[in-house]
């Protein structure tokens, strides 16, 4: 399974700086929502949401983007390695015992003949 995911979606392809400028223009009432969206190439619904959040919390950064897709990392590299080793150790231990049993049976059969 590849560790790098190729982007398929065209969502969130707007520029953060353009979003900040558009929010500033609309809040200062120099532009309408529609004109700001056209001039700065940002989605209207996203611009409306960012302005609403900015009005509720003036310290809100309007250029932030939310990561798309699944969570990038749940475990650290060391934890992943430890998990893989522990799970495969149990499996190989079982197979080792089966292989020993098979070898013992084959050798016992060969000795009887």
C-alpha atoms as a PDB file:
ATOM      1  CA  UNK A   1       0.000   0.000   0.000  1.00  0.00           C
ATOM      2  CA  UNK A   2       1.506   3.343  -1.009  1.00  0.00           C
ATOM      3  CA  UNK A   3       2.320   5.798   1.750  1.00  0.00           C
ATOM      4  CA  UNK A   4       1.762   8.878  -0.413  1.00  0.00           C
ATOM      5  CA  UNK A   5      -1.767   9.563  -1.544  1.00  0.00           C
ATOM      6  CA  UNK A   6      -2.411  11.220  -4.891  1.00  0.00           C
ATOM      7  CA  UNK A   7      -5.038  13.934  -4.636  1.00  0.00           C
ATOM      8  CA  UNK A   8      -8.210  13.213  -6.611  1.00  0.00           C
ATOM      9  CA  UNK A   9     -10.496  15.949  -5.331  1.00  0.00           C
ATOM     10  CA  UNK A  10     -10.544  19.565  -6.486  1.00  0.00           C
ATOM     11  CA  UNK A  11     -11.746  20.758  -3.091  1.00  0.00           C
ATOM     12  CA  UNK A  12      -9.802  23.388  -1.146  1.00  0.00           C
ATOM     13  CA  UNK A  13      -7.688  24.480  -4.074  1.00  0.00           C
ATOM     14  CA  UNK A  14      -8.039  28.162  -3.138  1.00  0.00           C
ATOM     15  CA  UNK A  15      -5.110  30.232  -1.920  1.00  0.00           C
ATOM     16  CA  UNK A  16      -4.986  31.113   1.796  1.00  0.00           C
ATOM     17  CA  UNK A  17      -3.721  34.631   1.170  1.00  0.00           C
ATOM     18  CA  UNK A  18      -6.523  35.302  -1.328  1.00  0.00           C
ATOM     19  CA  UNK A  19      -9.061  34.104   1.249  1.00  0.00           C
ATOM     20  CA  UNK A  20      -7.644  36.516   3.863  1.00  0.00           C
ATOM     21  CA  UNK A  21      -7.825  39.407   1.372  1.00  0.00           C
ATOM     22  CA  UNK A  22     -11.397  38.523   0.371  1.00  0.00           C
ATOM     23  CA  UNK A  23     -12.523  38.341   4.013  1.00  0.00           C
ATOM     24  CA  UNK A  24     -10.885  41.692   4.737  1.00  0.00           C
ATOM     25  CA  UNK A  25     -12.543  43.355   1.737  1.00  0.00           C
ATOM     26  CA  UNK A  26     -16.010  42.036   2.629  1.00  0.00           C
ATOM     27  CA  UNK A  27     -15.728  42.879   6.345  1.00  0.00           C
ATOM     28  CA  UNK A  28     -14.610  46.425   5.500  1.00  0.00           C
ATOM     29  CA  UNK A  29     -17.614  46.607   3.112  1.00  0.00           C
ATOM     30  CA  UNK A  30     -15.533  47.465   0.071  1.00  0.00           C
ATOM     31  CA  UNK A  31     -16.862  44.425  -1.843  1.00  0.00           C
ATOM     32  CA  UNK A  32     -19.848  42.123  -1.877  1.00  0.00           C
ATOM     33  CA  UNK A  33     -19.560  38.371  -1.316  1.00  0.00           C
ATOM     34  CA  UNK A  34     -20.053  37.671  -4.988  1.00  0.00           C
ATOM     35  CA  UNK A  35     -17.517  40.215  -6.252  1.00  0.00           C
ATOM     36  CA  UNK A  36     -14.912  39.081  -3.719  1.00  0.00           C
ATOM     37  CA  UNK A  37     -15.380  35.453  -4.791  1.00  0.00           C
ATOM     38  CA  UNK A  38     -14.917  36.320  -8.432  1.00  0.00           C
ATOM     39  CA  UNK A  39     -11.920  38.610  -7.921  1.00  0.00           C
ATOM     40  CA  UNK A  40     -10.014  36.431  -5.422  1.00  0.00           C
ATOM     41  CA  UNK A  41     -11.011  32.998  -6.837  1.00  0.00           C
ATOM     42  CA  UNK A  42     -12.447  31.615  -3.595  1.00  0.00           C
ATOM     43  CA  UNK A  43     -15.704  29.653  -3.064  1.00  0.00           C
ATOM     44  CA  UNK A  44     -18.654  31.764  -1.934  1.00  0.00           C
ATOM     45  CA  UNK A  45     -19.886  29.345   0.740  1.00  0.00           C
ATOM     46  CA  UNK A  46     -16.398  29.071   2.239  1.00  0.00           C
ATOM     47  CA  UNK A  47     -16.024  32.848   2.236  1.00  0.00           C
ATOM     48  CA  UNK A  48     -19.383  33.234   3.993  1.00  0.00           C
ATOM     49  CA  UNK A  49     -18.410  30.670   6.633  1.00  0.00           C
ATOM     50  CA  UNK A  50     -15.010  32.306   7.230  1.00  0.00           C
ATOM     51  CA  UNK A  51     -16.597  35.747   7.637  1.00  0.00           C
ATOM     52  CA  UNK A  52     -19.183  34.374  10.072  1.00  0.00           C
ATOM     53  CA  UNK A  53     -16.404  32.761  12.141  1.00  0.00           C
ATOM     54  CA  UNK A  54     -14.347  35.965  12.000  1.00  0.00           C
ATOM     55  CA  UNK A  55     -17.327  37.998  13.280  1.00  0.00           C
ATOM     56  CA  UNK A  56     -17.794  35.579  16.205  1.00  0.00           C
ATOM     57  CA  UNK A  57     -14.076  35.403  17.058  1.00  0.00           C
ATOM     58  CA  UNK A  58     -11.913  38.344  15.841  1.00  0.00           C
ATOM     59  CA  UNK A  59      -8.687  36.383  16.508  1.00  0.00           C
ATOM     60  CA  UNK A  60      -9.749  33.615  14.059  1.00  0.00           C
ATOM     61  CA  UNK A  61      -7.277  33.071  11.178  1.00  0.00           C
ATOM     62  CA  UNK A  62      -9.359  33.016   8.001  1.00  0.00           C
ATOM     63  CA  UNK A  63      -6.610  31.479   5.857  1.00  0.00           C
ATOM     64  CA  UNK A  64      -6.528  28.117   7.662  1.00  0.00           C
ATOM     65  CA  UNK A  65      -7.422  25.018   5.690  1.00  0.00           C
ATOM     66  CA  UNK A  66      -8.735  21.755   7.091  1.00  0.00           C
ATOM     67  CA  UNK A  67      -6.934  18.593   5.973  1.00  0.00           C
ATOM     68  CA  UNK A  68      -8.935  16.452   3.570  1.00  0.00           C
ATOM     69  CA  UNK A  69      -9.111  12.679   3.653  1.00  0.00           C
ATOM     70  CA  UNK A  70      -8.157  10.249   6.359  1.00  0.00           C
ATOM     71  CA  UNK A  71      -5.949  11.126   9.296  1.00  0.00           C
ATOM     72  CA  UNK A  72      -2.394  11.165   8.064  1.00  0.00           C
ATOM     73  CA  UNK A  73      -0.771   9.424  11.042  1.00  0.00           C
ATOM     74  CA  UNK A  74      -2.314   7.669  13.979  1.00  0.00           C
ATOM     75  CA  UNK A  75       0.808   5.981  15.341  1.00  0.00           C
ATOM     76  CA  UNK A  76       4.416   7.099  15.271  1.00  0.00           C
ATOM     77  CA  UNK A  77       6.879   5.160  13.128  1.00  0.00           C
ATOM     78  CA  UNK A  78       8.266   3.383  16.193  1.00  0.00           C
ATOM     79  CA  UNK A  79       4.774   2.341  17.346  1.00  0.00           C
ATOM     80  CA  UNK A  80       3.892   1.040  13.872  1.00  0.00           C
ATOM     81  CA  UNK A  81       7.101  -0.983  13.724  1.00  0.00           C
ATOM     82  CA  UNK A  82       6.499  -2.406  17.201  1.00  0.00           C
ATOM     83  CA  UNK A  83       2.935  -3.362  16.284  1.00  0.00           C
ATOM     84  CA  UNK A  84       4.007  -5.079  13.077  1.00  0.00           C
ATOM     85  CA  UNK A  85       6.783  -6.981  14.820  1.00  0.00           C
ATOM     86  CA  UNK A  86       4.547  -8.121  17.672  1.00  0.00           C
ATOM     87  CA  UNK A  87       1.773  -9.273  15.340  1.00  0.00           C
ATOM     88  CA  UNK A  88       4.135 -11.134  13.003  1.00  0.00           C
ATOM     89  CA  UNK A  89       6.028 -12.687  15.905  1.00  0.00           C
ATOM     90  CA  UNK A  90       2.881 -14.435  17.074  1.00  0.00           C
ATOM     91  CA  UNK A  91       2.161 -15.689  13.580  1.00  0.00           C
ATOM     92  CA  UNK A  92       5.669 -16.951  12.915  1.00  0.00           C
ATOM     93  CA  UNK A  93       5.746 -18.657  16.305  1.00  0.00           C
ATOM     94  CA  UNK A  94       2.634 -20.626  15.380  1.00  0.00           C
ATOM     95  CA  UNK A  95       4.047 -21.520  11.966  1.00  0.00           C
ATOM     96  CA  UNK A  96       7.350 -22.476  13.538  1.00  0.00           C
ATOM     97  CA  UNK A  97       5.562 -24.941  15.811  1.00  0.00           C
ATOM     98  CA  UNK A  98       3.569 -26.337  12.879  1.00  0.00           C
ATOM     99  CA  UNK A  99       6.755 -26.694  10.831  1.00  0.00           C
ATOM    100  CA  UNK A 100       8.483 -28.460  13.730  1.00  0.00           C
ATOM    101  CA  UNK A 101       5.520 -30.798  14.124  1.00  0.00           C
ATOM    102  CA  UNK A 102       5.544 -31.542  10.381  1.00  0.00           C
ATOM    103  CA  UNK A 103       9.309 -32.149  10.414  1.00  0.00           C
ATOM    104  CA  UNK A 104       8.994 -34.443  13.425  1.00  0.00           C
ATOM    105  CA  UNK A 105       6.203 -36.433  11.760  1.00  0.00           C
ATOM    106  CA  UNK A 106       8.162 -36.776   8.513  1.00  0.00           C
ATOM    107  CA  UNK A 107      11.349 -37.821  10.301  1.00  0.00           C
ATOM    108  CA  UNK A 108       9.416 -40.327  12.454  1.00  0.00           C
ATOM    109  CA  UNK A 109       7.802 -41.824   9.353  1.00  0.00           C
ATOM    110  CA  UNK A 110      11.165 -42.065   7.567  1.00  0.00           C
ATOM    111  CA  UNK A 111      12.816 -43.761  10.532  1.00  0.00           C
ATOM    112  CA  UNK A 112      10.083 -46.418  10.749  1.00  0.00           C
ATOM    113  CA  UNK A 113      10.616 -47.460   7.125  1.00  0.00           C
END
